C-alpha atoms as a PDB file:
ATOM      1  CA  MET A   1     -18.299  -5.831  -6.750  1.00  0.00           C
ATOM      2  CA  THR A   2     -20.299  -5.606  -3.507  1.00  0.00           C
ATOM      3  CA  GLY A   3     -23.960  -5.822  -4.441  1.00  0.00           C
ATOM      4  CA  ILE A   4     -25.332  -4.127  -7.523  1.00  0.00           C
ATOM      5  CA  VAL A   5     -25.151  -0.438  -8.384  1.00  0.00           C
ATOM      6  CA  GLY A   6     -28.543   0.853  -9.447  1.00  0.00           C
ATOM      7  CA  GLY A   7     -29.904   4.165 -10.595  1.00  0.00           C
ATOM      8  CA  THR A   8     -29.219   6.512 -13.468  1.00  0.00           C
ATOM      9  CA  VAL A   9     -26.968   9.301 -14.651  1.00  0.00           C
ATOM     10  CA  ALA A  10     -27.666  11.883 -17.322  1.00  0.00           C
ATOM     11  CA  PRO A  11     -25.761  11.631 -20.622  1.00  0.00           C
ATOM     12  CA  GLY A  12     -22.223  12.882 -20.131  1.00  0.00           C
ATOM     13  CA  PHE A  13     -22.048  11.860 -16.482  1.00  0.00           C
ATOM     14  CA  GLU A  14     -21.034   8.239 -17.085  1.00  0.00           C
ATOM     15  CA  THR A  15     -17.636   8.791 -15.437  1.00  0.00           C
ATOM     16  CA  VAL A  16     -19.403   9.727 -12.211  1.00  0.00           C
ATOM     17  CA  ARG A  17     -21.140   6.353 -12.254  1.00  0.00           C
ATOM     18  CA  ALA A  18     -17.840   4.624 -12.991  1.00  0.00           C
ATOM     19  CA  THR A  19     -16.250   6.342  -9.995  1.00  0.00           C
ATOM     20  CA  PHE A  20     -19.094   5.203  -7.738  1.00  0.00           C
ATOM     21  CA  GLU A  21     -18.880   1.630  -9.027  1.00  0.00           C
ATOM     22  CA  ARG A  22     -15.136   1.608  -8.425  1.00  0.00           C
ATOM     23  CA  LEU A  23     -15.651   2.321  -4.711  1.00  0.00           C
ATOM     24  CA  PHE A  24     -17.418  -1.027  -4.421  1.00  0.00           C
ATOM     25  CA  ALA A  25     -15.056  -2.868  -6.747  1.00  0.00           C
ATOM     26  CA  ASP A  26     -12.080  -1.679  -4.684  1.00  0.00           C
ATOM     27  CA  GLY A  27     -13.724  -2.761  -1.434  1.00  0.00           C
ATOM     28  CA  VAL A  28     -13.741   0.683   0.202  1.00  0.00           C
ATOM     29  CA  GLU A  29     -17.544   0.907   0.199  1.00  0.00           C
ATOM     30  CA  THR A  30     -20.210  -1.566   1.296  1.00  0.00           C
ATOM     31  CA  GLY A  31     -23.421   0.446   1.023  1.00  0.00           C
ATOM     32  CA  ALA A  32     -24.030   3.998  -0.161  1.00  0.00           C
ATOM     33  CA  SER A  33     -25.923   6.382  -2.390  1.00  0.00           C
ATOM     34  CA  VAL A  34     -24.895   9.490  -4.306  1.00  0.00           C
ATOM     35  CA  ALA A  35     -27.012  12.120  -6.002  1.00  0.00           C
ATOM     36  CA  ALA A  36     -26.251  15.370  -7.765  1.00  0.00           C
ATOM     37  CA  TYR A  37     -28.096  18.245  -9.374  1.00  0.00           C
ATOM     38  CA  ALA A  38     -26.649  20.490 -12.071  1.00  0.00           C
ATOM     39  CA  GLY A  39     -28.422  23.087 -14.141  1.00  0.00           C
ATOM     40  CA  GLY A  40     -31.578  22.496 -12.142  1.00  0.00           C
ATOM     41  CA  ALA A  41     -31.779  18.807 -13.109  1.00  0.00           C
ATOM     42  CA  LEU A  42     -31.042  15.596 -11.231  1.00  0.00           C
ATOM     43  CA  VAL A  43     -28.018  14.351 -13.192  1.00  0.00           C
ATOM     44  CA  VAL A  44     -26.775  11.628 -10.832  1.00  0.00           C
ATOM     45  CA  ASP A  45     -29.001   9.289  -8.824  1.00  0.00           C
ATOM     46  CA  LEU A  46     -27.137   6.139  -7.811  1.00  0.00           C
ATOM     47  CA  TRP A  47     -27.125   3.611  -5.011  1.00  0.00           C
ATOM     48  CA  GLY A  48     -25.385   0.332  -4.371  1.00  0.00           C
ATOM     49  CA  GLY A  49     -24.156  -2.312  -1.981  1.00  0.00           C
ATOM     50  CA  TRP A  50     -25.964  -3.541   1.079  1.00  0.00           C
ATOM     51  CA  ALA A  51     -28.101  -1.907   3.740  1.00  0.00           C
ATOM     52  CA  ASP A  52     -27.203  -4.384   6.488  1.00  0.00           C
ATOM     53  CA  ALA A  53     -24.137  -6.024   7.962  1.00  0.00           C
ATOM     54  CA  ALA A  54     -25.401  -9.502   7.056  1.00  0.00           C
ATOM     55  CA  ARG A  55     -25.672  -8.390   3.417  1.00  0.00           C
ATOM     56  CA  THR A  56     -29.208  -9.632   2.981  1.00  0.00           C
ATOM     57  CA  ARG A  57     -30.858  -6.270   2.174  1.00  0.00           C
ATOM     58  CA  PRO A  58     -29.702  -4.552  -1.019  1.00  0.00           C
ATOM     59  CA  TRP A  59     -29.401  -0.784  -0.796  1.00  0.00           C
ATOM     60  CA  ARG A  60     -32.417   0.707  -2.573  1.00  0.00           C
ATOM     61  CA  ALA A  61     -33.367   4.097  -3.943  1.00  0.00           C
ATOM     62  CA  ASP A  62     -35.168   4.973  -0.704  1.00  0.00           C
ATOM     63  CA  THR A  63     -32.658   3.543   1.795  1.00  0.00           C
ATOM     64  CA  LEU A  64     -31.929   5.987   4.604  1.00  0.00           C
ATOM     65  CA  SER A  65     -28.718   6.264   6.583  1.00  0.00           C
ATOM     66  CA  THR A  66     -27.587   8.485   9.415  1.00  0.00           C
ATOM     67  CA  VAL A  67     -25.332  11.230   8.050  1.00  0.00           C
ATOM     68  CA  PHE A  68     -24.081  12.758  11.315  1.00  0.00           C
ATOM     69  CA  SER A  69     -22.941  16.392  10.880  1.00  0.00           C
ATOM     70  CA  ALA A  70     -23.911  16.491   7.215  1.00  0.00           C
ATOM     71  CA  GLY A  71     -27.380  17.111   8.642  1.00  0.00           C
ATOM     72  CA  LYS A  72     -26.402  20.224  10.638  1.00  0.00           C
ATOM     73  CA  PRO A  73     -27.386  22.600   7.784  1.00  0.00           C
ATOM     74  CA  VAL A  74     -30.815  20.966   7.680  1.00  0.00           C
ATOM     75  CA  ALA A  75     -31.226  21.631  11.404  1.00  0.00           C
ATOM     76  CA  ALA A  76     -30.140  25.226  10.807  1.00  0.00           C
ATOM     77  CA  MET A  77     -32.771  25.521   8.083  1.00  0.00           C
ATOM     78  CA  ALA A  78     -35.487  24.799  10.637  1.00  0.00           C
ATOM     79  CA  VAL A  79     -34.494  27.952  12.532  1.00  0.00           C
ATOM     80  CA  LEU A  80     -33.837  29.990   9.384  1.00  0.00           C
ATOM     81  CA  ARG A  81     -37.356  29.268   8.140  1.00  0.00           C
ATOM     82  CA  ARG A  82     -38.700  30.852  11.312  1.00  0.00           C
ATOM     83  CA  VAL A  83     -36.290  33.761  10.911  1.00  0.00           C
ATOM     84  CA  ALA A  84     -37.742  34.247   7.439  1.00  0.00           C
ATOM     85  CA  ASP A  85     -41.306  34.368   8.724  1.00  0.00           C
ATOM     86  CA  GLY A  86     -40.428  36.762  11.543  1.00  0.00           C
ATOM     87  CA  ARG A  87     -40.867  34.478  14.530  1.00  0.00           C
ATOM     88  CA  ILE A  88     -37.162  34.314  15.415  1.00  0.00           C
ATOM     89  CA  GLU A  89     -34.656  37.190  15.281  1.00  0.00           C
ATOM     90  CA  LEU A  90     -31.043  36.421  14.431  1.00  0.00           C
ATOM     91  CA  ASP A  91     -29.575  38.906  16.880  1.00  0.00           C
ATOM     92  CA  ALA A  92     -31.935  38.170  19.744  1.00  0.00           C
ATOM     93  CA  PRO A  93     -30.459  36.496  22.822  1.00  0.00           C
ATOM     94  CA  ILE A  94     -30.899  32.741  22.907  1.00  0.00           C
ATOM     95  CA  ALA A  95     -32.358  33.253  26.384  1.00  0.00           C
ATOM     96  CA  SER A  96     -35.264  35.245  24.969  1.00  0.00           C
ATOM     97  CA  TYR A  97     -36.532  31.962  23.481  1.00  0.00           C
ATOM     98  CA  TRP A  98     -34.921  29.334  25.714  1.00  0.00           C
ATOM     99  CA  LYS A  99     -35.778  30.657  29.156  1.00  0.00           C
ATOM    100  CA  ALA A 100     -33.508  28.251  31.040  1.00  0.00           C
ATOM    101  CA  PHE A 101     -30.424  29.351  29.075  1.00  0.00           C
ATOM    102  CA  PRO A 102     -28.169  31.303  31.465  1.00  0.00           C
ATOM    103  CA  HIS A 103     -25.839  33.134  29.052  1.00  0.00           C
ATOM    104  CA  PRO A 104     -27.479  36.452  28.032  1.00  0.00           C
ATOM    105  CA  ALA A 105     -24.719  37.519  25.618  1.00  0.00           C
ATOM    106  CA  ALA A 106     -25.185  34.518  23.311  1.00  0.00           C
ATOM    107  CA  THR A 107     -27.457  35.200  20.341  1.00  0.00           C
ATOM    108  CA  VAL A 108     -29.255  33.074  17.779  1.00  0.00           C
ATOM    109  CA  ARG A 109     -26.647  34.185  15.233  1.00  0.00           C
ATOM    110  CA  HIS A 110     -23.889  32.914  17.518  1.00  0.00           C
ATOM    111  CA  ALA A 111     -25.671  29.574  17.827  1.00  0.00           C
ATOM    112  CA  LEU A 112     -26.091  29.159  14.069  1.00  0.00           C
ATOM    113  CA  SER A 113     -22.447  30.062  13.339  1.00  0.00           C
ATOM    114  CA  HIS A 114     -20.772  27.891  16.017  1.00  0.00           C
ATOM    115  CA  ALA A 115     -19.702  30.948  18.018  1.00  0.00           C
ATOM    116  CA  ALA A 116     -21.939  30.559  21.090  1.00  0.00           C
ATOM    117  CA  GLY A 117     -19.156  29.190  23.308  1.00  0.00           C
ATOM    118  CA  LEU A 118     -20.743  25.826  24.118  1.00  0.00           C
ATOM    119  CA  PRO A 119     -19.091  23.274  21.799  1.00  0.00           C
ATOM    120  CA  ALA A 120     -19.098  20.680  24.586  1.00  0.00           C
ATOM    121  CA  ALA A 121     -21.535  19.813  27.356  1.00  0.00           C
ATOM    122  CA  ASN A 122     -20.959  18.265  30.749  1.00  0.00           C
ATOM    123  CA  ALA A 123     -22.744  15.070  29.778  1.00  0.00           C
ATOM    124  CA  SER A 124     -20.990  11.733  29.467  1.00  0.00           C
ATOM    125  CA  ASP A 125     -23.849   9.267  29.809  1.00  0.00           C
ATOM    126  CA  ILE A 126     -25.302   8.088  26.497  1.00  0.00           C
ATOM    127  CA  SER A 127     -28.837   7.935  27.838  1.00  0.00           C
ATOM    128  CA  GLU A 128     -28.510  11.573  28.929  1.00  0.00           C
ATOM    129  CA  ILE A 129     -27.223  12.702  25.533  1.00  0.00           C
ATOM    130  CA  LEU A 130     -30.038  10.907  23.722  1.00  0.00           C
ATOM    131  CA  ASP A 131     -32.713  12.423  25.988  1.00  0.00           C
ATOM    132  CA  ARG A 132     -33.606  15.885  24.654  1.00  0.00           C
ATOM    133  CA  GLU A 133     -34.647  17.455  27.941  1.00  0.00           C
ATOM    134  CA  ARG A 134     -31.729  16.064  29.937  1.00  0.00           C
ATOM    135  CA  PHE A 135     -29.153  16.999  27.299  1.00  0.00           C
ATOM    136  CA  ALA A 136     -30.583  20.517  26.978  1.00  0.00           C
ATOM    137  CA  ALA A 137     -30.342  20.894  30.751  1.00  0.00           C
ATOM    138  CA  ALA A 138     -26.732  19.670  30.660  1.00  0.00           C
ATOM    139  CA  ILE A 139     -25.849  22.228  27.984  1.00  0.00           C
ATOM    140  CA  ALA A 140     -27.463  25.033  29.964  1.00  0.00           C
ATOM    141  CA  ALA A 141     -25.499  24.002  33.069  1.00  0.00           C
ATOM    142  CA  THR A 142     -22.137  23.926  31.248  1.00  0.00           C
ATOM    143  CA  PRO A 143     -19.776  26.915  31.628  1.00  0.00           C
ATOM    144  CA  LEU A 144     -18.871  28.791  28.457  1.00  0.00           C
ATOM    145  CA  GLU A 145     -15.604  27.862  26.727  1.00  0.00           C
ATOM    146  CA  TRP A 146     -15.368  31.462  25.453  1.00  0.00           C
ATOM    147  CA  GLU A 147     -17.475  34.600  25.508  1.00  0.00           C
ATOM    148  CA  PRO A 148     -20.045  34.358  22.713  1.00  0.00           C
ATOM    149  CA  GLY A 149     -18.822  35.882  19.477  1.00  0.00           C
ATOM    150  CA  THR A 150     -15.161  36.098  20.508  1.00  0.00           C
ATOM    151  CA  ALA A 151     -14.083  32.711  19.117  1.00  0.00           C
ATOM    152  CA  VAL A 152     -15.422  29.835  17.051  1.00  0.00           C
ATOM    153  CA  GLY A 153     -15.467  26.068  17.360  1.00  0.00           C
ATOM    154  CA  GLU A 154     -17.784  23.541  15.783  1.00  0.00           C
ATOM    155  CA  HIS A 155     -20.547  22.648  18.238  1.00  0.00           C
ATOM    156  CA  ALA A 156     -20.292  18.957  17.420  1.00  0.00           C
ATOM    157  CA  LEU A 157     -23.060  17.488  19.600  1.00  0.00           C
ATOM    158  CA  THR A 158     -24.618  20.608  21.120  1.00  0.00           C
ATOM    159  CA  TYR A 159     -25.457  22.497  17.912  1.00  0.00           C
ATOM    160  CA  GLY A 160     -28.808  20.976  17.079  1.00  0.00           C
ATOM    161  CA  THR A 161     -30.050  20.826  20.656  1.00  0.00           C
ATOM    162  CA  ILE A 162     -29.378  24.539  21.158  1.00  0.00           C
ATOM    163  CA  LEU A 163     -31.206  25.312  17.917  1.00  0.00           C
ATOM    164  CA  GLY A 164     -34.007  22.977  18.909  1.00  0.00           C
ATOM    165  CA  GLU A 165     -34.553  24.734  22.234  1.00  0.00           C
ATOM    166  CA  ILE A 166     -34.590  28.127  20.482  1.00  0.00           C
ATOM    167  CA  LEU A 167     -37.194  26.838  18.060  1.00  0.00           C
ATOM    168  CA  ARG A 168     -39.266  25.133  20.733  1.00  0.00           C
ATOM    169  CA  GLY A 169     -39.330  28.291  22.843  1.00  0.00           C
ATOM    170  CA  ALA A 170     -40.241  30.500  19.889  1.00  0.00           C
ATOM    171  CA  THR A 171     -42.897  28.395  18.183  1.00  0.00           C
ATOM    172  CA  GLY A 172     -43.443  25.171  20.114  1.00  0.00           C
ATOM    173  CA  GLU A 173     -42.019  23.159  17.203  1.00  0.00           C
ATOM    174  CA  SER A 174     -39.119  20.733  17.170  1.00  0.00           C
ATOM    175  CA  VAL A 175     -36.432  20.694  14.492  1.00  0.00           C
ATOM    176  CA  GLY A 176     -38.015  17.546  13.083  1.00  0.00           C
ATOM    177  CA  ASP A 177     -41.427  19.210  12.920  1.00  0.00           C
ATOM    178  CA  VAL A 178     -40.148  21.989  10.667  1.00  0.00           C
ATOM    179  CA  VAL A 179     -37.965  19.707   8.548  1.00  0.00           C
ATOM    180  CA  ARG A 180     -40.975  17.524   7.784  1.00  0.00           C
ATOM    181  CA  THR A 181     -42.663  20.526   6.154  1.00  0.00           C
ATOM    182  CA  LEU A 182     -39.841  20.736   3.585  1.00  0.00           C
ATOM    183  CA  GLY A 183     -41.144  17.638   1.800  1.00  0.00           C
ATOM    184  CA  LEU A 184     -37.688  16.070   1.442  1.00  0.00           C
ATOM    185  CA  ASP A 185     -36.470  12.579   2.325  1.00  0.00           C
ATOM    186  CA  VAL A 186     -34.434  14.050   5.190  1.00  0.00           C
ATOM    187  CA  HIS A 187     -35.482  13.427   8.790  1.00  0.00           C
ATOM    188  CA  PHE A 188     -34.903  14.079  12.474  1.00  0.00           C
ATOM    189  CA  GLY A 189     -36.860  11.579  14.556  1.00  0.00           C
ATOM    190  CA  LEU A 190     -37.942   8.702  12.352  1.00  0.00           C
ATOM    191  CA  ALA A 191     -41.406   7.195  12.358  1.00  0.00           C
ATOM    192  CA  PRO A 192     -41.364   3.366  12.568  1.00  0.00           C
ATOM    193  CA  ALA A 193     -42.130   2.988   8.855  1.00  0.00           C
ATOM    194  CA  ASP A 194     -39.156   5.166   7.958  1.00  0.00           C
ATOM    195  CA  ALA A 195     -36.897   3.441  10.479  1.00  0.00           C
ATOM    196  CA  ALA A 196     -37.523   0.213   8.574  1.00  0.00           C
ATOM    197  CA  ARG A 197     -35.807   1.813   5.561  1.00  0.00           C
ATOM    198  CA  CYS A 198     -32.620   2.538   7.516  1.00  0.00           C
ATOM    199  CA  ALA A 199     -29.271   1.078   6.658  1.00  0.00           C
ATOM    200  CA  GLU A 200     -27.252  -0.422   9.499  1.00  0.00           C
ATOM    201  CA  VAL A 201     -24.021   1.466  10.016  1.00  0.00           C
ATOM    202  CA  GLU A 202     -20.764  -0.431  10.391  1.00  0.00           C
ATOM    203  CA  HIS A 203     -17.237   0.643  11.265  1.00  0.00           C
ATOM    204  CA  ALA A 204     -14.517   0.554   8.624  1.00  0.00           C
ATOM    205  CA  THR A 205     -12.186  -0.807  11.327  1.00  0.00           C
ATOM    206  CA  PRO A 206     -12.990  -2.193  14.798  1.00  0.00           C
ATOM    207  CA  ASP A 207     -11.224   0.684  16.571  1.00  0.00           C
ATOM    208  CA  TRP A 208     -12.832   3.416  14.454  1.00  0.00           C
ATOM    209  CA  PRO A 209     -14.858   5.037  17.308  1.00  0.00           C
ATOM    210  CA  GLU A 210     -11.855   5.256  19.635  1.00  0.00           C
ATOM    211  CA  ARG A 211      -9.615   6.664  16.884  1.00  0.00           C
ATOM    212  CA  GLN A 212     -12.018   9.558  16.330  1.00  0.00           C
ATOM    213  CA  LEU A 213     -11.300  10.870  19.818  1.00  0.00           C
ATOM    214  CA  ARG A 214      -7.515  10.596  19.729  1.00  0.00           C
ATOM    215  CA  GLY A 215      -4.962  13.179  18.668  1.00  0.00           C
ATOM    216  CA  HIS A 216      -7.245  16.210  18.371  1.00  0.00           C
ATOM    217  CA  GLY A 217      -6.983  17.710  21.841  1.00  0.00           C
ATOM    218  CA  ASP A 218      -9.113  17.866  24.965  1.00  0.00           C
ATOM    219  CA  LEU A 219     -11.897  20.063  23.580  1.00  0.00           C
ATOM    220  CA  TRP A 220     -12.418  17.746  20.614  1.00  0.00           C
ATOM    221  CA  ALA A 221     -12.699  14.697  22.859  1.00  0.00           C
ATOM    222  CA  ARG A 222     -15.150  16.431  25.190  1.00  0.00           C
ATOM    223  CA  ALA A 223     -17.220  17.845  22.334  1.00  0.00           C
ATOM    224  CA  LEU A 224     -17.652  14.523  20.530  1.00  0.00           C
ATOM    225  CA  GLY A 225     -18.819  12.774  23.667  1.00  0.00           C
ATOM    226  CA  PRO A 226     -17.978   9.203  24.641  1.00  0.00           C
ATOM    227  CA  ALA A 227     -16.702   6.848  21.946  1.00  0.00           C
ATOM    228  CA  ALA A 228     -19.565   4.530  22.868  1.00  0.00           C
ATOM    229  CA  LEU A 229     -21.965   7.055  21.329  1.00  0.00           C
ATOM    230  CA  LEU A 230     -20.612   5.905  17.945  1.00  0.00           C
ATOM    231  CA  ALA A 231     -21.119   2.208  18.709  1.00  0.00           C
ATOM    232  CA  THR A 232     -23.188   0.403  16.108  1.00  0.00           C
ATOM    233  CA  ASP A 233     -25.764  -0.775  18.636  1.00  0.00           C
ATOM    234  CA  VAL A 234     -26.374   2.868  19.596  1.00  0.00           C
ATOM    235  CA  VAL A 235     -26.477   4.381  16.105  1.00  0.00           C
ATOM    236  CA  ASN A 236     -28.601   1.503  14.797  1.00  0.00           C
ATOM    237  CA  GLY A 237     -30.849   1.602  17.852  1.00  0.00           C
ATOM    238  CA  PRO A 238     -34.333   3.036  18.415  1.00  0.00           C
ATOM    239  CA  LEU A 239     -33.281   6.000  20.586  1.00  0.00           C
ATOM    240  CA  TRP A 240     -30.882   7.294  17.920  1.00  0.00           C
ATOM    241  CA  ARG A 241     -33.294   6.722  15.064  1.00  0.00           C
ATOM    242  CA  GLY A 242     -36.469   7.844  16.766  1.00  0.00           C
ATOM    243  CA  GLY A 243     -35.220  10.764  18.851  1.00  0.00           C
ATOM    244  CA  GLU A 244     -33.883  14.185  17.997  1.00  0.00           C
ATOM    245  CA  LEU A 245     -30.200  14.958  18.505  1.00  0.00           C
ATOM    246  CA  PRO A 246     -30.165  17.289  15.497  1.00  0.00           C
ATOM    247  CA  ALA A 247     -26.426  17.948  15.463  1.00  0.00           C
ATOM    248  CA  VAL A 248     -25.773  14.367  14.413  1.00  0.00           C
ATOM    249  CA  ASN A 249     -28.799  12.095  13.987  1.00  0.00           C
ATOM    250  CA  CYS A 250     -30.161  13.271  10.658  1.00  0.00           C
ATOM    251  CA  HIS A 251     -31.282  10.354   8.475  1.00  0.00           C
ATOM    252  CA  ALA A 252     -31.438  10.924   4.741  1.00  0.00           C
ATOM    253  CA  THR A 253     -31.156   9.544   1.258  1.00  0.00           C
ATOM    254  CA  ALA A 254     -28.556  11.087  -1.014  1.00  0.00           C
ATOM    255  CA  ARG A 255     -31.377  12.194  -3.282  1.00  0.00           C
ATOM    256  CA  GLY A 256     -33.071  13.967  -0.374  1.00  0.00           C
ATOM    257  CA  LEU A 257     -29.914  15.754   0.788  1.00  0.00           C
ATOM    258  CA  ALA A 258     -28.948  16.801  -2.733  1.00  0.00           C
ATOM    259  CA  ALA A 259     -32.477  18.124  -3.263  1.00  0.00           C
ATOM    260  CA  PHE A 260     -32.143  20.143  -0.052  1.00  0.00           C
ATOM    261  CA  TYR A 261     -29.275  22.082  -1.612  1.00  0.00           C
ATOM    262  CA  ALA A 262     -30.838  22.272  -5.060  1.00  0.00           C
ATOM    263  CA  THR A 263     -34.034  23.789  -3.640  1.00  0.00           C
ATOM    264  CA  LEU A 264     -32.475  26.300  -1.229  1.00  0.00           C
ATOM    265  CA  PRO A 265     -33.865  29.235  -3.282  1.00  0.00           C
ATOM    266  CA  ASP A 266     -37.334  27.802  -2.714  1.00  0.00           C
ATOM    267  CA  LEU A 267     -36.821  27.334   1.022  1.00  0.00           C
ATOM    268  CA  LEU A 268     -35.754  30.869   1.967  1.00  0.00           C
ATOM    269  CA  PRO A 269     -36.381  34.377   0.602  1.00  0.00           C
ATOM    270  CA  PRO A 270     -33.399  35.724  -1.403  1.00  0.00           C
ATOM    271  CA  ALA A 271     -32.185  38.161   1.265  1.00  0.00           C
ATOM    272  CA  VAL A 272     -32.362  35.592   4.060  1.00  0.00           C
ATOM    273  CA  LEU A 273     -30.631  32.950   1.932  1.00  0.00           C
ATOM    274  CA  ALA A 274     -27.844  35.345   0.940  1.00  0.00           C
ATOM    275  CA  GLU A 275     -27.177  36.177   4.575  1.00  0.00           C
ATOM    276  CA  ALA A 276     -27.446  32.546   5.626  1.00  0.00           C
ATOM    277  CA  ILE A 277     -24.837  31.177   3.223  1.00  0.00           C
ATOM    278  CA  GLY A 278     -22.476  34.148   3.429  1.00  0.00           C
ATOM    279  CA  PRO A 279     -19.463  34.123   5.775  1.00  0.00           C
ATOM    280  CA  GLN A 280     -20.326  34.939   9.389  1.00  0.00           C
ATOM    281  CA  VAL A 281     -17.230  33.849  11.306  1.00  0.00           C
ATOM    282  CA  VAL A 282     -13.776  33.442   9.781  1.00  0.00           C
ATOM    283  CA  GLY A 283     -10.960  32.258  11.985  1.00  0.00           C
ATOM    284  CA  PHE A 284      -9.202  29.443  13.764  1.00  0.00           C
ATOM    285  CA  ASP A 285     -11.720  26.817  14.816  1.00  0.00           C
ATOM    286  CA  LEU A 286     -10.836  25.758  18.347  1.00  0.00           C
ATOM    287  CA  LEU A 287     -12.440  22.346  17.943  1.00  0.00           C
ATOM    288  CA  LEU A 288     -11.195  21.449  14.464  1.00  0.00           C
ATOM    289  CA  GLN A 289      -7.787  23.054  15.106  1.00  0.00           C
ATOM    290  CA  GLU A 290      -7.733  24.657  11.668  1.00  0.00           C
ATOM    291  CA  ASP A 291      -8.904  27.805   9.923  1.00  0.00           C
ATOM    292  CA  ALA A 292     -12.571  27.691   9.017  1.00  0.00           C
ATOM    293  CA  THR A 293     -15.283  29.892   7.571  1.00  0.00           C
ATOM    294  CA  TRP A 294     -18.719  29.372   9.078  1.00  0.00           C
ATOM    295  CA  THR A 295     -22.008  30.681   7.759  1.00  0.00           C
ATOM    296  CA  LEU A 296     -25.406  30.423   9.466  1.00  0.00           C
ATOM    297  CA  GLY A 297     -25.387  26.646   9.307  1.00  0.00           C
ATOM    298  CA  TRP A 298     -22.805  25.684   6.692  1.00  0.00           C
ATOM    299  CA  ARG A 299     -19.048  25.476   6.449  1.00  0.00           C
ATOM    300  CA  ARG A 300     -17.774  27.457   3.499  1.00  0.00           C
ATOM    301  CA  GLU A 301     -14.683  26.921   1.338  1.00  0.00           C
ATOM    302  CA  ASP A 302     -14.485  29.459  -1.496  1.00  0.00           C
ATOM    303  CA  ALA A 303     -17.563  28.898  -3.707  1.00  0.00           C
ATOM    304  CA  TRP A 304     -18.514  25.636  -1.985  1.00  0.00           C
ATOM    305  CA  PHE A 305     -20.704  25.524   1.093  1.00  0.00           C
ATOM    306  CA  GLY A 306     -21.904  22.391   2.815  1.00  0.00           C
ATOM    307  CA  MET A 307     -21.028  19.966   5.566  1.00  0.00           C
ATOM    308  CA  GLY A 308     -19.399  16.610   5.981  1.00  0.00           C
ATOM    309  CA  GLY A 309     -20.339  14.148   8.671  1.00  0.00           C
ATOM    310  CA  ILE A 310     -18.052  12.023  10.781  1.00  0.00           C
ATOM    311  CA  GLY A 311     -17.817   8.658   9.053  1.00  0.00           C
ATOM    312  CA  GLY A 312     -17.834   9.843   5.443  1.00  0.00           C
ATOM    313  CA  SER A 313     -21.224  11.242   4.414  1.00  0.00           C
ATOM    314  CA  SER A 314     -21.169  14.725   2.887  1.00  0.00           C
ATOM    315  CA  ALA A 315     -23.410  17.197   1.099  1.00  0.00           C
ATOM    316  CA  GLY A 316     -22.901  20.616  -0.378  1.00  0.00           C
ATOM    317  CA  SER A 317     -23.326  23.045  -3.214  1.00  0.00           C
ATOM    318  CA  ASP A 318     -20.893  25.010  -5.360  1.00  0.00           C
ATOM    319  CA  GLU A 319     -22.037  28.464  -6.432  1.00  0.00           C
ATOM    320  CA  SER A 320     -19.545  28.786  -9.288  1.00  0.00           C
ATOM    321  CA  SER A 321     -20.213  25.387 -10.871  1.00  0.00           C
ATOM    322  CA  GLY A 322     -23.896  25.388  -9.990  1.00  0.00           C
ATOM    323  CA  TYR A 323     -24.039  21.839  -8.652  1.00  0.00           C
ATOM    324  CA  SER A 324     -25.402  20.221  -5.520  1.00  0.00           C
ATOM    325  CA  LEU A 325     -24.111  16.813  -4.419  1.00  0.00           C
ATOM    326  CA  ALA A 326     -24.775  14.419  -1.561  1.00  0.00           C
ATOM    327  CA  TYR A 327     -22.995  11.221  -0.628  1.00  0.00           C
ATOM    328  CA  VAL A 328     -24.572   8.984   2.021  1.00  0.00           C
ATOM    329  CA  THR A 329     -22.803   5.913   3.416  1.00  0.00           C
ATOM    330  CA  ARG A 330     -23.306   3.253   6.070  1.00  0.00           C
ATOM    331  CA  ARG A 331     -19.600   2.381   6.353  1.00  0.00           C
ATOM    332  CA  LEU A 332     -18.066   4.746   8.879  1.00  0.00           C
ATOM    333  CA  GLY A 333     -14.592   5.645   7.699  1.00  0.00           C
ATOM    334  CA  ASP A 334     -12.845   8.532   5.970  1.00  0.00           C
ATOM    335  CA  HIS A 335     -13.988  11.113   3.421  1.00  0.00           C
ATOM    336  CA  ASP A 336     -11.963   9.775   0.487  1.00  0.00           C
ATOM    337  CA  ARG A 337     -15.155   8.291  -0.989  1.00  0.00           C
ATOM    338  CA  SER A 338     -17.196  11.492  -0.990  1.00  0.00           C
ATOM    339  CA  ASN A 339     -14.154  13.460  -2.165  1.00  0.00           C
ATOM    340  CA  ALA A 340     -13.848  11.099  -5.129  1.00  0.00           C
ATOM    341  CA  MET A 341     -17.474  11.783  -6.045  1.00  0.00           C
ATOM    342  CA  TYR A 342     -17.020  15.561  -5.811  1.00  0.00           C
ATOM    343  CA  ASP A 343     -13.905  15.308  -7.986  1.00  0.00           C
ATOM    344  CA  ALA A 344     -15.666  13.164 -10.587  1.00  0.00           C
ATOM    345  CA  LEU A 345     -18.638  15.521 -10.820  1.00  0.00           C
ATOM    346  CA  GLU A 346     -16.477  18.632 -11.009  1.00  0.00           C
ATOM    347  CA  ALA A 347     -14.366  17.074 -13.763  1.00  0.00           C
ATOM    348  CA  VAL A 348     -17.472  16.515 -15.886  1.00  0.00           C
ATOM    349  CA  LEU A 349     -18.762  20.041 -15.303  1.00  0.00           C
ATOM    350  CA  ALA A 350     -15.368  21.576 -16.095  1.00  0.00           C
ATOM    351  CA  ALA A 351     -14.947  19.671 -19.362  1.00  0.00           C
END
């Protein structure tokens, strides 16, 4: 086994621990954490493996890792909190808050539900993408892929920056500012002390970044940006960790992400939460090239709503089973690992 699996599970959830341990024993995982809530209690809180490529730092309870798009719902929450307190209106034009935004038909609701028509930006330089002001300007200068509200496509890199500019124009806050008020171990823009807790990401295979851009069409390749953006020296570097690219650079523990879902009723008033997690756009996603149901920040599949991140991290909640689960990894590969954890938890709850 790679490293040592630590943490606890509640009585009856031993098979979930066994599933997590098997990921390391089978060599498909090198460093990760998983946490789950059920019935209002933390029933799974596990971590294991290594936090660095040299395998000198064991993964600990408070180890952070970048979770890519699994953090998009957290970025959405920053805006939804200001919707709840009346400072942002869902159906207001984005341009009423972001004055430089040139598309008057696009609304905050469109932005939250991936229907704004800007899934890709004319920006190919990594330094530009990682600079908030320059990337926001690039998004604003990019022609629409579709008229807002007439189609849908995941806004892979642009999502969080659009939301961030809405928030900044409305209240002067950044996404990270609002997320810090939630009191969870989930972050956009790490302080140096928190950056020291970060795991170093690694690729499951040497060609992993390039393979992510192949075979999905032109829009996908443009929306994900250059493959070099997924290079380990970028994702493990200070600009990625310390800046805010809220579509993809969320850093979290599994415990923090699972708690985000478990505490949703505490984060938003009932009416706002019901609207936020309910279906907003149902149709063929032009980026993902498959049918998708999008809410105001989450992808929804029947009773489950949540988000996976490129590389394998995932977090979500199931309304019928009443659980919340998060899986956070440093080994960028497929989603078989998080799927195994969902399956193991659901099997226990269904027994």
